[in-house]
Amino acid sequence: MTGRQKILVVNEKDEVIGEKYRRDMDYDQDIFRSSVLWLTNSSGEVLLAKRVMTKKKDPGKWGPSVAGTLEVGETYDSNMVKEIQEEIGLGGVKLIAGSKIFEDVPRKHFIQWYTASVD
C-alpha cells in the first residue's frame, strides 16, 4: 500500500466526514474503517496471514486471513470482496458479517468482522 490511496475518514458514529491520502492521515485524530475476515474450512482449520516486514504497524506478526482499510468509494462489503481477491486470490466467497467494533489503540478505527468457510 502506498500513501497515494485515499482513505475514508469517519466520525465517532461511523459517518463519512471526509477523505485523506494515507500519507496525510493523522492517526492520533483521524478515524478510519477496516474490514477483517476469519476464514475457515470444513475441518475447522483457520487460515492465518503473516504481515510483511515492510508494514509500519505490526510487521511480521500473524493475524486474520484477510484485512484491509476502506478507500474512497468502498463499503465494508465491497472492500472485503476486493481484499479477498487481492490477498488470497479467491472470488465468490460467501461472507457472513459479524460484529462491527471500534478500537482506539493504537489507531482509531471501526472494524467490520466477517467469517467465511471454504474448502
PDB file of N, CA and C in Angstrom:
ATOM      1  N   MET A   1       0.832  -1.176   0.000  1.00  0.00           N
ATOM      2  CA  MET A   1       0.000   0.000   0.000  1.00  0.00           C
ATOM      3  C   MET A   1       0.875   1.237   0.000  1.00  0.00           C
ATOM      4  N   THR A   2       0.350   2.267  -0.619  1.00  0.00           N
ATOM      5  CA  THR A   2       1.130   3.485  -0.722  1.00  0.00           C
ATOM      6  C   THR A   2       0.380   4.656  -0.125  1.00  0.00           C
ATOM      7  N   GLY A   3       1.066   5.768   0.028  1.00  0.00           N
ATOM      8  CA  GLY A   3       0.457   6.976   0.543  1.00  0.00           C
ATOM      9  C   GLY A   3      -0.486   7.639  -0.439  1.00  0.00           C
ATOM     10  N   ARG A   4      -0.576   7.123  -1.664  1.00  0.00           N
ATOM     11  CA  ARG A   4      -1.445   7.714  -2.684  1.00  0.00           C
ATOM     12  C   ARG A   4      -2.885   7.255  -2.580  1.00  0.00           C
ATOM     13  N   GLN A   5      -3.167   6.310  -1.717  1.00  0.00           N
ATOM     14  CA  GLN A   5      -4.536   5.831  -1.560  1.00  0.00           C
ATOM     15  C   GLN A   5      -5.344   6.839  -0.766  1.00  0.00           C
ATOM     16  N   LYS A   6      -6.576   7.096  -1.217  1.00  0.00           N
ATOM     17  CA  LYS A   6      -7.465   7.971  -0.461  1.00  0.00           C
ATOM     18  C   LYS A   6      -8.300   7.115   0.483  1.00  0.00           C
ATOM     19  N   ILE A   7      -8.192   7.437   1.757  1.00  0.00           N
ATOM     20  CA  ILE A   7      -8.845   6.686   2.822  1.00  0.00           C
ATOM     21  C   ILE A   7     -10.076   7.455   3.285  1.00  0.00           C
ATOM     22  N   LEU A   8     -11.163   6.729   3.567  1.00  0.00           N
ATOM     23  CA  LEU A   8     -12.346   7.361   4.143  1.00  0.00           C
ATOM     24  C   LEU A   8     -12.060   7.765   5.581  1.00  0.00           C
ATOM     25  N   VAL A   9     -12.443   8.973   5.947  1.00  0.00           N
ATOM     26  CA  VAL A   9     -12.343   9.438   7.327  1.00  0.00           C
ATOM     27  C   VAL A   9     -13.766   9.542   7.856  1.00  0.00           C
ATOM     28  N   VAL A  10     -14.000   8.975   9.049  1.00  0.00           N
ATOM     29  CA  VAL A  10     -15.341   8.945   9.632  1.00  0.00           C
ATOM     30  C   VAL A  10     -15.332   9.585  11.014  1.00  0.00           C
ATOM     31  N   ASN A  11     -16.547   9.824  11.531  1.00  0.00           N
ATOM     32  CA  ASN A  11     -16.660  10.350  12.895  1.00  0.00           C
ATOM     33  C   ASN A  11     -16.931   9.207  13.867  1.00  0.00           C
ATOM     34  N   GLU A  12     -17.207   9.547  15.119  1.00  0.00           N
ATOM     35  CA  GLU A  12     -17.418   8.542  16.167  1.00  0.00           C
ATOM     36  C   GLU A  12     -18.670   7.698  15.949  1.00  0.00           C
ATOM     37  N   LYS A  13     -19.545   8.116  15.014  1.00  0.00           N
ATOM     38  CA  LYS A  13     -20.759   7.357  14.678  1.00  0.00           C
ATOM     39  C   LYS A  13     -20.570   6.558  13.392  1.00  0.00           C
ATOM     40  N   ASP A  14     -19.348   6.502  12.892  1.00  0.00           N
ATOM     41  CA  ASP A  14     -19.003   5.806  11.649  1.00  0.00           C
ATOM     42  C   ASP A  14     -19.663   6.446  10.433  1.00  0.00           C
ATOM     43  N   GLU A  15     -19.857   7.760  10.484  1.00  0.00           N
ATOM     44  CA  GLU A  15     -20.393   8.510   9.355  1.00  0.00           C
ATOM     45  C   GLU A  15     -19.222   9.157   8.615  1.00  0.00           C
ATOM     46  N   VAL A  16     -19.235   9.045   7.284  1.00  0.00           N
ATOM     47  CA  VAL A  16     -18.147   9.607   6.485  1.00  0.00           C
ATOM     48  C   VAL A  16     -18.150  11.128   6.614  1.00  0.00           C
ATOM     49  N   ILE A  17     -16.993  11.675   6.972  1.00  0.00           N
ATOM     50  CA  ILE A  17     -16.853  13.131   7.096  1.00  0.00           C
ATOM     51  C   ILE A  17     -15.785  13.686   6.157  1.00  0.00           C
ATOM     52  N   GLY A  18     -15.101  12.810   5.448  1.00  0.00           N
ATOM     53  CA  GLY A  18     -14.074  13.288   4.529  1.00  0.00           C
ATOM     54  C   GLY A  18     -13.216  12.163   4.001  1.00  0.00           C
ATOM     55  N   GLU A  19     -12.128  12.561   3.396  1.00  0.00           N
ATOM     56  CA  GLU A  19     -11.171  11.600   2.843  1.00  0.00           C
ATOM     57  C   GLU A  19      -9.792  12.226   2.895  1.00  0.00           C
ATOM     58  N   LYS A  20      -8.790  11.385   3.038  1.00  0.00           N
ATOM     59  CA  LYS A  20      -7.405  11.851   3.077  1.00  0.00           C
ATOM     60  C   LYS A  20      -6.528  10.818   2.396  1.00  0.00           C
ATOM     61  N   TYR A  21      -5.434  11.306   1.821  1.00  0.00           N
ATOM     62  CA  TYR A  21      -4.435  10.368   1.349  1.00  0.00           C
ATOM     63  C   TYR A  21      -3.832   9.673   2.564  1.00  0.00           C
ATOM     64  N   ARG A  22      -3.490   8.420   2.393  1.00  0.00           N
ATOM     65  CA  ARG A  22      -2.932   7.640   3.507  1.00  0.00           C
ATOM     66  C   ARG A  22      -1.751   8.365   4.160  1.00  0.00           C
ATOM     67  N   ARG A  23      -0.898   8.933   3.349  1.00  0.00           N
ATOM     68  CA  ARG A  23       0.288   9.612   3.891  1.00  0.00           C
ATOM     69  C   ARG A  23      -0.063  10.837   4.730  1.00  0.00           C
ATOM     70  N   ASP A  24      -1.273  11.388   4.548  1.00  0.00           N
ATOM     71  CA  ASP A  24      -1.703  12.583   5.278  1.00  0.00           C
ATOM     72  C   ASP A  24      -2.551  12.273   6.507  1.00  0.00           C
ATOM     73  N   MET A  25      -2.819  11.001   6.757  1.00  0.00           N
ATOM     74  CA  MET A  25      -3.656  10.632   7.903  1.00  0.00           C
ATOM     75  C   MET A  25      -2.953  11.007   9.205  1.00  0.00           C
ATOM     76  N   ASP A  26      -3.709  11.576  10.131  1.00  0.00           N
ATOM     77  CA  ASP A  26      -3.230  11.860  11.482  1.00  0.00           C
ATOM     78  C   ASP A  26      -3.835  10.785  12.375  1.00  0.00           C
ATOM     79  N   TYR A  27      -3.089   9.730  12.615  1.00  0.00           N
ATOM     80  CA  TYR A  27      -3.640   8.576  13.314  1.00  0.00           C
ATOM     81  C   TYR A  27      -3.927   8.834  14.789  1.00  0.00           C
ATOM     82  N   ASP A  28      -3.525   9.978  15.305  1.00  0.00           N
ATOM     83  CA  ASP A  28      -3.920  10.358  16.661  1.00  0.00           C
ATOM     84  C   ASP A  28      -5.320  10.954  16.676  1.00  0.00           C
ATOM     85  N   GLN A  29      -5.773  11.462  15.534  1.00  0.00           N
ATOM     86  CA  GLN A  29      -7.073  12.137  15.457  1.00  0.00           C
ATOM     87  C   GLN A  29      -8.051  11.467  14.492  1.00  0.00           C
ATOM     88  N   ASP A  30      -7.587  11.133  13.301  1.00  0.00           N
ATOM     89  CA  ASP A  30      -8.477  10.631  12.256  1.00  0.00           C
ATOM     90  C   ASP A  30      -8.969   9.224  12.568  1.00  0.00           C
ATOM     91  N   ILE A  31     -10.243   9.000  12.287  1.00  0.00           N
ATOM     92  CA  ILE A  31     -10.857   7.682  12.452  1.00  0.00           C
ATOM     93  C   ILE A  31     -11.088   7.120  11.053  1.00  0.00           C
ATOM     94  N   PHE A  32     -10.720   5.850  10.853  1.00  0.00           N
ATOM     95  CA  PHE A  32     -10.904   5.222   9.549  1.00  0.00           C
ATOM     96  C   PHE A  32     -11.658   3.908   9.708  1.00  0.00           C
ATOM     97  N   ARG A  33     -11.928   3.245   8.606  1.00  0.00           N
ATOM     98  CA  ARG A  33     -12.669   1.980   8.588  1.00  0.00           C
ATOM     99  C   ARG A  33     -11.774   0.862   8.053  1.00  0.00           C
ATOM    100  N   SER A  34     -11.985  -0.337   8.587  1.00  0.00           N
ATOM    101  CA  SER A  34     -11.308  -1.514   8.047  1.00  0.00           C
ATOM    102  C   SER A  34     -12.260  -2.699   8.066  1.00  0.00           C
ATOM    103  N   SER A  35     -11.962  -3.676   7.234  1.00  0.00           N
ATOM    104  CA  SER A  35     -12.728  -4.919   7.203  1.00  0.00           C
ATOM    105  C   SER A  35     -11.756  -6.071   7.421  1.00  0.00           C
ATOM    106  N   VAL A  36     -12.229  -7.090   8.139  1.00  0.00           N
ATOM    107  CA  VAL A  36     -11.365  -8.203   8.546  1.00  0.00           C
ATOM    108  C   VAL A  36     -12.116  -9.522   8.369  1.00  0.00           C
ATOM    109  N   LEU A  37     -11.425 -10.542   7.865  1.00  0.00           N
ATOM    110  CA  LEU A  37     -12.020 -11.858   7.626  1.00  0.00           C
ATOM    111  C   LEU A  37     -11.277 -12.945   8.380  1.00  0.00           C
ATOM    112  N   TRP A  38     -12.036 -13.792   9.063  1.00  0.00           N
ATOM    113  CA  TRP A  38     -11.519 -15.058   9.589  1.00  0.00           C
ATOM    114  C   TRP A  38     -12.054 -16.147   8.677  1.00  0.00           C
ATOM    115  N   LEU A  39     -11.157 -16.845   7.998  1.00  0.00           N
ATOM    116  CA  LEU A  39     -11.520 -17.866   7.027  1.00  0.00           C
ATOM    117  C   LEU A  39     -11.198 -19.245   7.574  1.00  0.00           C
ATOM    118  N   THR A  40     -12.191 -20.124   7.524  1.00  0.00           N
ATOM    119  CA  THR A  40     -12.015 -21.496   7.995  1.00  0.00           C
ATOM    120  C   THR A  40     -12.357 -22.457   6.862  1.00  0.00           C
ATOM    121  N   ASN A  41     -12.058 -23.751   7.112  1.00  0.00           N
ATOM    122  CA  ASN A  41     -12.516 -24.789   6.196  1.00  0.00           C
ATOM    123  C   ASN A  41     -13.427 -25.743   6.963  1.00  0.00           C
ATOM    124  N   SER A  42     -13.923 -26.770   6.288  1.00  0.00           N
ATOM    125  CA  SER A  42     -14.880 -27.683   6.924  1.00  0.00           C
ATOM    126  C   SER A  42     -14.251 -28.505   8.043  1.00  0.00           C
ATOM    127  N   SER A  43     -12.936 -28.554   8.117  1.00  0.00           N
ATOM    128  CA  SER A  43     -12.252 -29.255   9.213  1.00  0.00           C
ATOM    129  C   SER A  43     -12.028 -28.350  10.419  1.00  0.00           C
ATOM    130  N   GLY A  44     -12.442 -27.089  10.300  1.00  0.00           N
ATOM    131  CA  GLY A  44     -12.272 -26.157  11.408  1.00  0.00           C
ATOM    132  C   GLY A  44     -10.919 -25.473  11.453  1.00  0.00           C
ATOM    133  N   GLU A  45     -10.105 -25.699  10.429  1.00  0.00           N
ATOM    134  CA  GLU A  45      -8.806 -25.027  10.385  1.00  0.00           C
ATOM    135  C   GLU A  45      -9.002 -23.561  10.004  1.00  0.00           C
ATOM    136  N   VAL A  46      -8.155 -22.695  10.553  1.00  0.00           N
ATOM    137  CA  VAL A  46      -8.228 -21.259  10.300  1.00  0.00           C
ATOM    138  C   VAL A  46      -7.016 -20.833   9.481  1.00  0.00           C
ATOM    139  N   LEU A  47      -7.263 -20.054   8.441  1.00  0.00           N
ATOM    140  CA  LEU A  47      -6.171 -19.504   7.648  1.00  0.00           C
ATOM    141  C   LEU A  47      -5.688 -18.224   8.314  1.00  0.00           C
ATOM    142  N   LEU A  48      -4.416 -18.199   8.688  1.00  0.00           N
ATOM    143  CA  LEU A  48      -3.796 -17.001   9.251  1.00  0.00           C
ATOM    144  C   LEU A  48      -2.861 -16.398   8.218  1.00  0.00           C
ATOM    145  N   ALA A  49      -2.661 -15.105   8.312  1.00  0.00           N
ATOM    146  CA  ALA A  49      -1.748 -14.414   7.397  1.00  0.00           C
ATOM    147  C   ALA A  49      -0.648 -13.741   8.202  1.00  0.00           C
ATOM    148  N   LYS A  50       0.549 -13.757   7.661  1.00  0.00           N
ATOM    149  CA  LYS A  50       1.674 -13.084   8.309  1.00  0.00           C
ATOM    150  C   LYS A  50       1.908 -11.748   7.609  1.00  0.00           C
ATOM    151  N   ARG A  51       1.920 -10.678   8.386  1.00  0.00           N
ATOM    152  CA  ARG A  51       2.139  -9.344   7.831  1.00  0.00           C
ATOM    153  C   ARG A  51       3.565  -9.223   7.294  1.00  0.00           C
ATOM    154  N   VAL A  52       3.694  -8.543   6.176  1.00  0.00           N
ATOM    155  CA  VAL A  52       5.021  -8.357   5.591  1.00  0.00           C
ATOM    156  C   VAL A  52       5.873  -7.472   6.493  1.00  0.00           C
ATOM    157  N   MET A  53       7.159  -7.626   6.405  1.00  0.00           N
ATOM    158  CA  MET A  53       8.077  -6.900   7.282  1.00  0.00           C
ATOM    159  C   MET A  53       8.147  -5.404   6.964  1.00  0.00           C
ATOM    160  N   THR A  54       7.620  -4.999   5.819  1.00  0.00           N
ATOM    161  CA  THR A  54       7.661  -3.583   5.454  1.00  0.00           C
ATOM    162  C   THR A  54       6.491  -2.778   6.015  1.00  0.00           C
ATOM    163  N   LYS A  55       5.551  -3.442   6.677  1.00  0.00           N
ATOM    164  CA  LYS A  55       4.412  -2.731   7.277  1.00  0.00           C
ATOM    165  C   LYS A  55       4.890  -1.876   8.437  1.00  0.00           C
ATOM    166  N   LYS A  56       4.308  -0.680   8.583  1.00  0.00           N
ATOM    167  CA  LYS A  56       4.659   0.188   9.707  1.00  0.00           C
ATOM    168  C   LYS A  56       4.082  -0.351  11.006  1.00  0.00           C
ATOM    169  N   LYS A  57       2.869  -0.905  10.935  1.00  0.00           N
ATOM    170  CA  LYS A  57       2.202  -1.425  12.126  1.00  0.00           C
ATOM    171  C   LYS A  57       2.337  -2.948  12.164  1.00  0.00           C
ATOM    172  N   ASP A  58       2.889  -3.453  13.222  1.00  0.00           N
ATOM    173  CA  ASP A  58       2.981  -4.898  13.479  1.00  0.00           C
ATOM    174  C   ASP A  58       3.644  -5.713  12.360  1.00  0.00           C
ATOM    175  N   PRO A  59       4.797  -5.298  11.847  1.00  0.00           N
ATOM    176  CA  PRO A  59       5.452  -6.091  10.798  1.00  0.00           C
ATOM    177  C   PRO A  59       5.801  -7.490  11.295  1.00  0.00           C
ATOM    178  N   GLY A  60       5.557  -8.485  10.436  1.00  0.00           N
ATOM    179  CA  GLY A  60       5.922  -9.856  10.755  1.00  0.00           C
ATOM    180  C   GLY A  60       4.985 -10.581  11.696  1.00  0.00           C
ATOM    181  N   LYS A  61       3.927  -9.928  12.151  1.00  0.00           N
ATOM    182  CA  LYS A  61       3.004 -10.582  13.083  1.00  0.00           C
ATOM    183  C   LYS A  61       1.938 -11.363  12.324  1.00  0.00           C
ATOM    184  N   TRP A  62       1.464 -12.428  12.973  1.00  0.00           N
ATOM    185  CA  TRP A  62       0.388 -13.237  12.422  1.00  0.00           C
ATOM    186  C   TRP A  62      -0.939 -12.575  12.757  1.00  0.00           C
ATOM    187  N   GLY A  63      -1.896 -12.693  11.840  1.00  0.00           N
ATOM    188  CA  GLY A  63      -3.195 -12.065  12.060  1.00  0.00           C
ATOM    189  C   GLY A  63      -4.285 -12.754  11.267  1.00  0.00           C
ATOM    190  N   PRO A  64      -5.388 -12.048  11.054  1.00  0.00           N
ATOM    191  CA  PRO A  64      -6.535 -12.635  10.359  1.00  0.00           C
ATOM    192  C   PRO A  64      -6.202 -13.002   8.915  1.00  0.00           C
ATOM    193  N   SER A  65      -7.069 -13.819   8.337  1.00  0.00           N
ATOM    194  CA  SER A  65      -6.868 -14.302   6.971  1.00  0.00           C
ATOM    195  C   SER A  65      -6.712 -13.165   5.977  1.00  0.00           C
ATOM    196  N   VAL A  66      -7.577 -12.178   6.088  1.00  0.00           N
ATOM    197  CA  VAL A  66      -7.607 -11.052   5.158  1.00  0.00           C
ATOM    198  C   VAL A  66      -8.014  -9.810   5.941  1.00  0.00           C
ATOM    199  N   ALA A  67      -7.421  -8.675   5.607  1.00  0.00           N
ATOM    200  CA  ALA A  67      -7.817  -7.409   6.231  1.00  0.00           C
ATOM    201  C   ALA A  67      -7.483  -6.267   5.290  1.00  0.00           C
ATOM    202  N   GLY A  68      -8.268  -5.197   5.379  1.00  0.00           N
ATOM    203  CA  GLY A  68      -7.989  -4.046   4.537  1.00  0.00           C
ATOM    204  C   GLY A  68      -8.619  -2.776   5.058  1.00  0.00           C
ATOM    205  N   THR A  69      -8.043  -1.655   4.668  1.00  0.00           N
ATOM    206  CA  THR A  69      -8.553  -0.332   5.007  1.00  0.00           C
ATOM    207  C   THR A  69      -9.440   0.157   3.873  1.00  0.00           C
ATOM    208  N   LEU A  70     -10.612   0.675   4.213  1.00  0.00           N
ATOM    209  CA  LEU A  70     -11.537   1.141   3.196  1.00  0.00           C
ATOM    210  C   LEU A  70     -11.035   2.408   2.531  1.00  0.00           C
ATOM    211  N   GLU A  71     -11.106   2.389   1.210  1.00  0.00           N
ATOM    212  CA  GLU A  71     -10.736   3.538   0.401  1.00  0.00           C
ATOM    213  C   GLU A  71     -12.003   4.243  -0.073  1.00  0.00           C
ATOM    214  N   VAL A  72     -11.817   5.432  -0.625  1.00  0.00           N
ATOM    215  CA  VAL A  72     -12.934   6.218  -1.134  1.00  0.00           C
ATOM    216  C   VAL A  72     -13.732   5.382  -2.131  1.00  0.00           C
ATOM    217  N   GLY A  73     -15.063   5.399  -2.004  1.00  0.00           N
ATOM    218  CA  GLY A  73     -15.944   4.669  -2.904  1.00  0.00           C
ATOM    219  C   GLY A  73     -16.260   3.255  -2.467  1.00  0.00           C
ATOM    220  N   GLU A  74     -15.657   2.788  -1.386  1.00  0.00           N
ATOM    221  CA  GLU A  74     -15.882   1.417  -0.930  1.00  0.00           C
ATOM    222  C   GLU A  74     -16.829   1.363   0.265  1.00  0.00           C
ATOM    223  N   THR A  75     -17.556   0.257   0.330  1.00  0.00           N
ATOM    224  CA  THR A  75     -18.311  -0.102   1.526  1.00  0.00           C
ATOM    225  C   THR A  75     -17.511  -1.175   2.251  1.00  0.00           C
ATOM    226  N   TYR A  76     -17.933  -1.510   3.463  1.00  0.00           N
ATOM    227  CA  TYR A  76     -17.256  -2.602   4.165  1.00  0.00           C
ATOM    228  C   TYR A  76     -17.299  -3.870   3.308  1.00  0.00           C
ATOM    229  N   ASP A  77     -18.477  -4.183   2.749  1.00  0.00           N
ATOM    230  CA  ASP A  77     -18.620  -5.406   1.955  1.00  0.00           C
ATOM    231  C   ASP A  77     -17.747  -5.380   0.697  1.00  0.00           C
ATOM    232  N   SER A  78     -17.794  -4.280  -0.049  1.00  0.00           N
ATOM    233  CA  SER A  78     -17.020  -4.239  -1.299  1.00  0.00           C
ATOM    234  C   SER A  78     -15.519  -4.276  -1.022  1.00  0.00           C
ATOM    235  N   ASN A  79     -15.093  -3.664   0.071  1.00  0.00           N
ATOM    236  CA  ASN A  79     -13.680  -3.722   0.442  1.00  0.00           C
ATOM    237  C   ASN A  79     -13.272  -5.149   0.760  1.00  0.00           C
ATOM    238  N   MET A  80     -14.130  -5.872   1.481  1.00  0.00           N
ATOM    239  CA  MET A  80     -13.779  -7.238   1.861  1.00  0.00           C
ATOM    240  C   MET A  80     -13.672  -8.121   0.627  1.00  0.00           C
ATOM    241  N   VAL A  81     -14.611  -7.988  -0.309  1.00  0.00           N
ATOM    242  CA  VAL A  81     -14.561  -8.770  -1.550  1.00  0.00           C
ATOM    243  C   VAL A  81     -13.267  -8.468  -2.309  1.00  0.00           C
ATOM    244  N   LYS A  82     -12.907  -7.195  -2.418  1.00  0.00           N
ATOM    245  CA  LYS A  82     -11.670  -6.796  -3.111  1.00  0.00           C
ATOM    246  C   LYS A  82     -10.444  -7.370  -2.419  1.00  0.00           C
ATOM    247  N   GLU A  83     -10.388  -7.248  -1.102  1.00  0.00           N
ATOM    248  CA  GLU A  83      -9.221  -7.718  -0.353  1.00  0.00           C
ATOM    249  C   GLU A  83      -9.064  -9.236  -0.440  1.00  0.00           C
ATOM    250  N   ILE A  84     -10.163  -9.967  -0.417  1.00  0.00           N
ATOM    251  CA  ILE A  84     -10.096 -11.431  -0.552  1.00  0.00           C
ATOM    252  C   ILE A  84      -9.465 -11.796  -1.895  1.00  0.00           C
ATOM    253  N   GLN A  85      -9.900 -11.120  -2.949  1.00  0.00           N
ATOM    254  CA  GLN A  85      -9.345 -11.388  -4.281  1.00  0.00           C
ATOM    255  C   GLN A  85      -7.862 -11.021  -4.333  1.00  0.00           C
ATOM    256  N   GLU A  86      -7.507  -9.859  -3.808  1.00  0.00           N
ATOM    257  CA  GLU A  86      -6.120  -9.391  -3.864  1.00  0.00           C
ATOM    258  C   GLU A  86      -5.183 -10.224  -2.996  1.00  0.00           C
ATOM    259  N   GLU A  87      -5.621 -10.553  -1.791  1.00  0.00           N
ATOM    260  CA  GLU A  87      -4.712 -11.172  -0.828  1.00  0.00           C
ATOM    261  C   GLU A  87      -4.630 -12.687  -0.918  1.00  0.00           C
ATOM    262  N   ILE A  88      -5.746 -13.351  -1.247  1.00  0.00           N
ATOM    263  CA  ILE A  88      -5.690 -14.817  -1.307  1.00  0.00           C
ATOM    264  C   ILE A  88      -6.232 -15.392  -2.613  1.00  0.00           C
ATOM    265  N   GLY A  89      -6.617 -14.524  -3.550  1.00  0.00           N
ATOM    266  CA  GLY A  89      -6.983 -14.963  -4.887  1.00  0.00           C
ATOM    267  C   GLY A  89      -8.293 -15.706  -5.010  1.00  0.00           C
ATOM    268  N   LEU A  90      -9.203 -15.509  -4.086  1.00  0.00           N
ATOM    269  CA  LEU A  90     -10.494 -16.191  -4.142  1.00  0.00           C
ATOM    270  C   LEU A  90     -11.600 -15.231  -4.553  1.00  0.00           C
ATOM    271  N   GLY A  91     -12.557 -15.746  -5.320  1.00  0.00           N
ATOM    272  CA  GLY A  91     -13.742 -14.983  -5.686  1.00  0.00           C
ATOM    273  C   GLY A  91     -14.979 -15.754  -5.288  1.00  0.00           C
ATOM    274  N   GLY A  92     -16.091 -15.073  -5.167  1.00  0.00           N
ATOM    275  CA  GLY A  92     -17.359 -15.726  -4.866  1.00  0.00           C
ATOM    276  C   GLY A  92     -17.469 -16.304  -3.467  1.00  0.00           C
ATOM    277  N   VAL A  93     -16.683 -15.810  -2.537  1.00  0.00           N
ATOM    278  CA  VAL A  93     -16.731 -16.298  -1.155  1.00  0.00           C
ATOM    279  C   VAL A  93     -17.996 -15.771  -0.489  1.00  0.00           C
ATOM    280  N   LYS A  94     -18.753 -16.673   0.141  1.00  0.00           N
ATOM    281  CA  LYS A  94     -19.977 -16.271   0.846  1.00  0.00           C
ATOM    282  C   LYS A  94     -19.584 -15.718   2.215  1.00  0.00           C
ATOM    283  N   LEU A  95     -19.737 -14.405   2.358  1.00  0.00           N
ATOM    284  CA  LEU A  95     -19.349 -13.733   3.595  1.00  0.00           C
ATOM    285  C   LEU A  95     -20.498 -13.687   4.588  1.00  0.00           C
ATOM    286  N   ILE A  96     -20.163 -13.867   5.842  1.00  0.00           N
ATOM    287  CA  ILE A  96     -21.123 -13.684   6.928  1.00  0.00           C
ATOM    288  C   ILE A  96     -20.612 -12.516   7.760  1.00  0.00           C
ATOM    289  N   ALA A  97     -21.395 -11.427   7.760  1.00  0.00           N
ATOM    290  CA  ALA A  97     -20.991 -10.246   8.527  1.00  0.00           C
ATOM    291  C   ALA A  97     -21.171 -10.520  10.011  1.00  0.00           C
ATOM    292  N   GLY A  98     -20.164 -10.177  10.773  1.00  0.00           N
ATOM    293  CA  GLY A  98     -20.218 -10.319  12.223  1.00  0.00           C
ATOM    294  C   GLY A  98     -20.351  -8.958  12.873  1.00  0.00           C
ATOM    295  N   SER A  99     -19.705  -8.797  13.982  1.00  0.00           N
ATOM    296  CA  SER A  99     -19.767  -7.550  14.741  1.00  0.00           C
ATOM    297  C   SER A  99     -18.959  -6.453  14.066  1.00  0.00           C
ATOM    298  N   LYS A 100     -19.420  -5.229  14.277  1.00  0.00           N
ATOM    299  CA  LYS A 100     -18.617  -4.060  13.921  1.00  0.00           C
ATOM    300  C   LYS A 100     -18.214  -3.414  15.238  1.00  0.00           C
ATOM    301  N   ILE A 101     -16.906  -3.236  15.418  1.00  0.00           N
ATOM    302  CA  ILE A 101     -16.406  -2.703  16.680  1.00  0.00           C
ATOM    303  C   ILE A 101     -15.555  -1.462  16.430  1.00  0.00           C
ATOM    304  N   PHE A 102     -15.337  -0.702  17.489  1.00  0.00           N
ATOM    305  CA  PHE A 102     -14.458   0.459  17.432  1.00  0.00           C
ATOM    306  C   PHE A 102     -13.259   0.190  18.315  1.00  0.00           C
ATOM    307  N   GLU A 103     -12.074   0.430  17.776  1.00  0.00           N
ATOM    308  CA  GLU A 103     -10.837   0.331  18.560  1.00  0.00           C
ATOM    309  C   GLU A 103     -10.138   1.676  18.510  1.00  0.00           C
ATOM    310  N   ASP A 104      -9.517   2.047  19.620  1.00  0.00           N
ATOM    311  CA  ASP A 104      -8.791   3.313  19.615  1.00  0.00           C
ATOM    312  C   ASP A 104      -7.324   3.162  19.980  1.00  0.00           C
ATOM    313  N   VAL A 105      -6.854   1.921  20.082  1.00  0.00           N
ATOM    314  CA  VAL A 105      -5.440   1.673  20.365  1.00  0.00           C
ATOM    315  C   VAL A 105      -4.949   0.624  19.372  1.00  0.00           C
ATOM    316  N   PRO A 106      -3.911   0.820  18.638  1.00  0.00           N
ATOM    317  CA  PRO A 106      -3.073   2.014  18.626  1.00  0.00           C
ATOM    318  C   PRO A 106      -3.617   3.121  17.723  1.00  0.00           C
ATOM    319  N   ARG A 107      -4.583   2.775  16.868  1.00  0.00           N
ATOM    320  CA  ARG A 107      -5.173   3.764  15.961  1.00  0.00           C
ATOM    321  C   ARG A 107      -6.687   3.700  16.084  1.00  0.00           C
ATOM    322  N   LYS A 108      -7.337   4.844  15.888  1.00  0.00           N
ATOM    323  CA  LYS A 108      -8.793   4.912  15.974  1.00  0.00           C
ATOM    324  C   LYS A 108      -9.393   4.391  14.672  1.00  0.00           C
ATOM    325  N   HIS A 109     -10.157   3.303  14.787  1.00  0.00           N
ATOM    326  CA  HIS A 109     -10.800   2.780  13.589  1.00  0.00           C
ATOM    327  C   HIS A 109     -11.958   1.856  13.936  1.00  0.00           C
ATOM    328  N   PHE A 110     -12.912   1.789  12.990  1.00  0.00           N
ATOM    329  CA  PHE A 110     -14.001   0.829  13.059  1.00  0.00           C
ATOM    330  C   PHE A 110     -13.554  -0.410  12.303  1.00  0.00           C
ATOM    331  N   ILE A 111     -13.903  -1.571  12.838  1.00  0.00           N
ATOM    332  CA  ILE A 111     -13.570  -2.848  12.210  1.00  0.00           C
ATOM    333  C   ILE A 111     -14.855  -3.630  11.990  1.00  0.00           C
ATOM    334  N   GLN A 112     -15.152  -3.951  10.740  1.00  0.00           N
ATOM    335  CA  GLN A 112     -16.270  -4.837  10.421  1.00  0.00           C
ATOM    336  C   GLN A 112     -15.693  -6.236  10.256  1.00  0.00           C
ATOM    337  N   TRP A 113     -16.107  -7.138  11.133  1.00  0.00           N
ATOM    338  CA  TRP A 113     -15.623  -8.517  11.097  1.00  0.00           C
ATOM    339  C   TRP A 113     -16.500  -9.360  10.184  1.00  0.00           C
ATOM    340  N   TYR A 114     -15.879 -10.285   9.487  1.00  0.00           N
ATOM    341  CA  TYR A 114     -16.560 -11.253   8.628  1.00  0.00           C
ATOM    342  C   TYR A 114     -16.004 -12.639   8.922  1.00  0.00           C
ATOM    343  N   THR A 115     -16.836 -13.635   8.653  1.00  0.00           N
ATOM    344  CA  THR A 115     -16.372 -15.018   8.657  1.00  0.00           C
ATOM    345  C   THR A 115     -16.796 -15.653   7.335  1.00  0.00           C
ATOM    346  N   ALA A 116     -16.094 -16.700   6.959  1.00  0.00           N
ATOM    347  CA  ALA A 116     -16.435 -17.474   5.772  1.00  0.00           C
ATOM    348  C   ALA A 116     -15.759 -18.829   5.904  1.00  0.00           C
ATOM    349  N   SER A 117     -16.290 -19.792   5.163  1.00  0.00           N
ATOM    350  CA  SER A 117     -15.695 -21.123   5.151  1.00  0.00           C
ATOM    351  C   SER A 117     -15.565 -21.580   3.707  1.00  0.00           C
ATOM    352  N   VAL A 118     -14.376 -22.040   3.353  1.00  0.00           N
ATOM    353  CA  VAL A 118     -14.132 -22.581   2.015  1.00  0.00           C
ATOM    354  C   VAL A 118     -13.256 -23.821   2.142  1.00  0.00           C
ATOM    355  N   ASP A 119     -13.364 -24.699   1.180  1.00  0.00           N
ATOM    356  CA  ASP A 119     -12.514 -25.895   1.152  1.00  0.00           C
ATOM    357  C   ASP A 119     -11.658 -25.916  -0.096  1.00  0.00           C
TER     358      ASP A 119
END
